[in-house]
């Protein structure tokens, strides 16, 4: 069950972060609700993940790593933000690090 909660936390965090970008520095107030709701729901689901028994180091590592990777890809797709080879290498290193933490 912890993986389901973690997946929901990641999706909610993605919604919050994409809403934050869409708000253009809070100049578009209609997106602020998405920011607050996305991050609030993400923390609730992260709490449920931890309550289900996943270690905090593993849960937080996966949550942030997947979030960084997906936000970079989605920002490229939605707003044509840069996604360079160096950034892709960084994402790969983050993924390797998370795997090592989980195996540890």
C-alpha atoms as a PDB file:
ATOM      1  CA  UNK A   1       0.000   0.000   0.000  1.00  0.00           C
ATOM      2  CA  UNK A   2       2.926   2.336   0.642  1.00  0.00           C
ATOM      3  CA  UNK A   3       3.800   2.381  -3.077  1.00  0.00           C
ATOM      4  CA  UNK A   4       0.247   3.419  -3.956  1.00  0.00           C
ATOM      5  CA  UNK A   5       0.385   6.289  -1.456  1.00  0.00           C
ATOM      6  CA  UNK A   6       3.809   7.320  -2.723  1.00  0.00           C
ATOM      7  CA  UNK A   7       2.575   7.333  -6.322  1.00  0.00           C
ATOM      8  CA  UNK A   8      -0.351   9.541  -5.310  1.00  0.00           C
ATOM      9  CA  UNK A   9       2.038  11.877  -3.457  1.00  0.00           C
ATOM     10  CA  UNK A  10       4.216  12.175  -6.556  1.00  0.00           C
ATOM     11  CA  UNK A  11       1.238  12.933  -8.809  1.00  0.00           C
ATOM     12  CA  UNK A  12      -0.088  15.556  -6.406  1.00  0.00           C
ATOM     13  CA  UNK A  13       3.335  17.172  -6.124  1.00  0.00           C
ATOM     14  CA  UNK A  14       3.588  17.276  -9.919  1.00  0.00           C
ATOM     15  CA  UNK A  15       0.232  19.060 -10.082  1.00  0.00           C
ATOM     16  CA  UNK A  16       1.364  21.566  -7.450  1.00  0.00           C
ATOM     17  CA  UNK A  17       4.663  22.269  -9.158  1.00  0.00           C
ATOM     18  CA  UNK A  18       3.149  22.582 -12.630  1.00  0.00           C
ATOM     19  CA  UNK A  19       0.532  24.942 -11.177  1.00  0.00           C
ATOM     20  CA  UNK A  20       3.321  26.974  -9.588  1.00  0.00           C
ATOM     21  CA  UNK A  21       5.015  27.330 -12.984  1.00  0.00           C
ATOM     22  CA  UNK A  22       1.704  28.144 -14.666  1.00  0.00           C
ATOM     23  CA  UNK A  23       1.024  30.887 -12.104  1.00  0.00           C
ATOM     24  CA  UNK A  24       4.051  32.788 -13.456  1.00  0.00           C
ATOM     25  CA  UNK A  25       5.275  33.900 -10.061  1.00  0.00           C
ATOM     26  CA  UNK A  26       1.747  34.192  -8.664  1.00  0.00           C
ATOM     27  CA  UNK A  27       0.812  36.728 -11.338  1.00  0.00           C
ATOM     28  CA  UNK A  28      -2.000  34.415 -12.430  1.00  0.00           C
ATOM     29  CA  UNK A  29      -3.924  33.910  -9.182  1.00  0.00           C
ATOM     30  CA  UNK A  30      -6.245  31.208 -10.514  1.00  0.00           C
ATOM     31  CA  UNK A  31      -3.299  28.761 -10.341  1.00  0.00           C
ATOM     32  CA  UNK A  32      -2.614  29.405  -6.649  1.00  0.00           C
ATOM     33  CA  UNK A  33      -5.395  26.991  -5.643  1.00  0.00           C
ATOM     34  CA  UNK A  34      -3.648  24.264  -7.639  1.00  0.00           C
ATOM     35  CA  UNK A  35      -0.354  25.058  -5.938  1.00  0.00           C
ATOM     36  CA  UNK A  36      -1.759  24.899  -2.416  1.00  0.00           C
ATOM     37  CA  UNK A  37      -3.971  21.874  -3.092  1.00  0.00           C
ATOM     38  CA  UNK A  38      -1.243  19.980  -4.938  1.00  0.00           C
ATOM     39  CA  UNK A  39       1.373  20.424  -2.242  1.00  0.00           C
ATOM     40  CA  UNK A  40      -1.118  19.883   0.591  1.00  0.00           C
ATOM     41  CA  UNK A  41      -2.406  16.630  -0.882  1.00  0.00           C
ATOM     42  CA  UNK A  42       1.166  15.539  -1.658  1.00  0.00           C
ATOM     43  CA  UNK A  43       2.174  15.867   1.986  1.00  0.00           C
ATOM     44  CA  UNK A  44      -0.914  13.993   3.155  1.00  0.00           C
ATOM     45  CA  UNK A  45      -0.090  11.103   0.831  1.00  0.00           C
ATOM     46  CA  UNK A  46       3.577  11.214   1.814  1.00  0.00           C
ATOM     47  CA  UNK A  47       2.466  10.929   5.438  1.00  0.00           C
ATOM     48  CA  UNK A  48       0.330   7.912   4.542  1.00  0.00           C
ATOM     49  CA  UNK A  49       3.336   6.409   2.758  1.00  0.00           C
ATOM     50  CA  UNK A  50       5.410   6.689   5.908  1.00  0.00           C
ATOM     51  CA  UNK A  51       2.565   5.403   8.078  1.00  0.00           C
ATOM     52  CA  UNK A  52       2.345   2.342   5.812  1.00  0.00           C
ATOM     53  CA  UNK A  53       5.927   1.504   6.737  1.00  0.00           C
ATOM     54  CA  UNK A  54       8.167   2.850   4.001  1.00  0.00           C
ATOM     55  CA  UNK A  55      11.394   4.292   5.453  1.00  0.00           C
ATOM     56  CA  UNK A  56      11.552   8.080   5.235  1.00  0.00           C
ATOM     57  CA  UNK A  57      14.896   8.081   3.384  1.00  0.00           C
ATOM     58  CA  UNK A  58      13.544   5.805   0.682  1.00  0.00           C
ATOM     59  CA  UNK A  59      10.170   7.560   0.399  1.00  0.00           C
ATOM     60  CA  UNK A  60      11.651  11.044   0.243  1.00  0.00           C
ATOM     61  CA  UNK A  61      14.388   9.998  -2.157  1.00  0.00           C
ATOM     62  CA  UNK A  62      11.964   8.420  -4.591  1.00  0.00           C
ATOM     63  CA  UNK A  63       9.456  11.257  -4.211  1.00  0.00           C
ATOM     64  CA  UNK A  64      11.991  13.949  -5.006  1.00  0.00           C
ATOM     65  CA  UNK A  65      13.869  12.025  -7.703  1.00  0.00           C
ATOM     66  CA  UNK A  66      10.773  11.060  -9.653  1.00  0.00           C
ATOM     67  CA  UNK A  67       9.414  14.564  -9.166  1.00  0.00           C
ATOM     68  CA  UNK A  68      12.569  16.216 -10.518  1.00  0.00           C
ATOM     69  CA  UNK A  69      12.726  13.897 -13.524  1.00  0.00           C
ATOM     70  CA  UNK A  70       9.056  14.203 -14.456  1.00  0.00           C
ATOM     71  CA  UNK A  71       8.935  17.970 -13.937  1.00  0.00           C
ATOM     72  CA  UNK A  72      11.952  18.417 -16.215  1.00  0.00           C
ATOM     73  CA  UNK A  73      10.321  16.319 -18.939  1.00  0.00           C
ATOM     74  CA  UNK A  74       6.882  17.881 -18.540  1.00  0.00           C
ATOM     75  CA  UNK A  75       8.278  21.436 -18.471  1.00  0.00           C
ATOM     76  CA  UNK A  76      10.052  20.646 -21.725  1.00  0.00           C
ATOM     77  CA  UNK A  77       6.835  19.303 -23.269  1.00  0.00           C
ATOM     78  CA  UNK A  78       4.521  22.057 -21.997  1.00  0.00           C
ATOM     79  CA  UNK A  79       6.669  25.212 -21.959  1.00  0.00           C
ATOM     80  CA  UNK A  80       9.600  24.195 -24.178  1.00  0.00           C
ATOM     81  CA  UNK A  81      12.011  24.683 -21.278  1.00  0.00           C
ATOM     82  CA  UNK A  82      15.524  23.378 -21.838  1.00  0.00           C
ATOM     83  CA  UNK A  83      16.330  19.723 -21.248  1.00  0.00           C
ATOM     84  CA  UNK A  84      20.011  19.398 -22.043  1.00  0.00           C
ATOM     85  CA  UNK A  85      22.230  16.332 -22.120  1.00  0.00           C
ATOM     86  CA  UNK A  86      23.817  17.507 -18.886  1.00  0.00           C
ATOM     87  CA  UNK A  87      20.373  17.665 -17.269  1.00  0.00           C
ATOM     88  CA  UNK A  88      19.558  14.173 -18.527  1.00  0.00           C
ATOM     89  CA  UNK A  89      22.816  12.872 -17.045  1.00  0.00           C
ATOM     90  CA  UNK A  90      21.869  14.533 -13.751  1.00  0.00           C
ATOM     91  CA  UNK A  91      18.469  12.863 -13.808  1.00  0.00           C
ATOM     92  CA  UNK A  92      20.146   9.506 -14.466  1.00  0.00           C
ATOM     93  CA  UNK A  93      22.527  10.059 -11.543  1.00  0.00           C
ATOM     94  CA  UNK A  94      19.606  10.905  -9.276  1.00  0.00           C
ATOM     95  CA  UNK A  95      17.886   7.670 -10.328  1.00  0.00           C
ATOM     96  CA  UNK A  96      21.019   5.652  -9.614  1.00  0.00           C
ATOM     97  CA  UNK A  97      21.331   7.320  -6.221  1.00  0.00           C
ATOM     98  CA  UNK A  98      17.750   6.475  -5.301  1.00  0.00           C
ATOM     99  CA  UNK A  99      18.265   2.850  -6.314  1.00  0.00           C
ATOM    100  CA  UNK A 100      21.395   2.680  -4.155  1.00  0.00           C
ATOM    101  CA  UNK A 101      19.565   4.178  -1.174  1.00  0.00           C
ATOM    102  CA  UNK A 102      16.748   1.684  -1.553  1.00  0.00           C
ATOM    103  CA  UNK A 103      19.162  -1.229  -1.845  1.00  0.00           C
ATOM    104  CA  UNK A 104      21.104   0.002   1.195  1.00  0.00           C
END
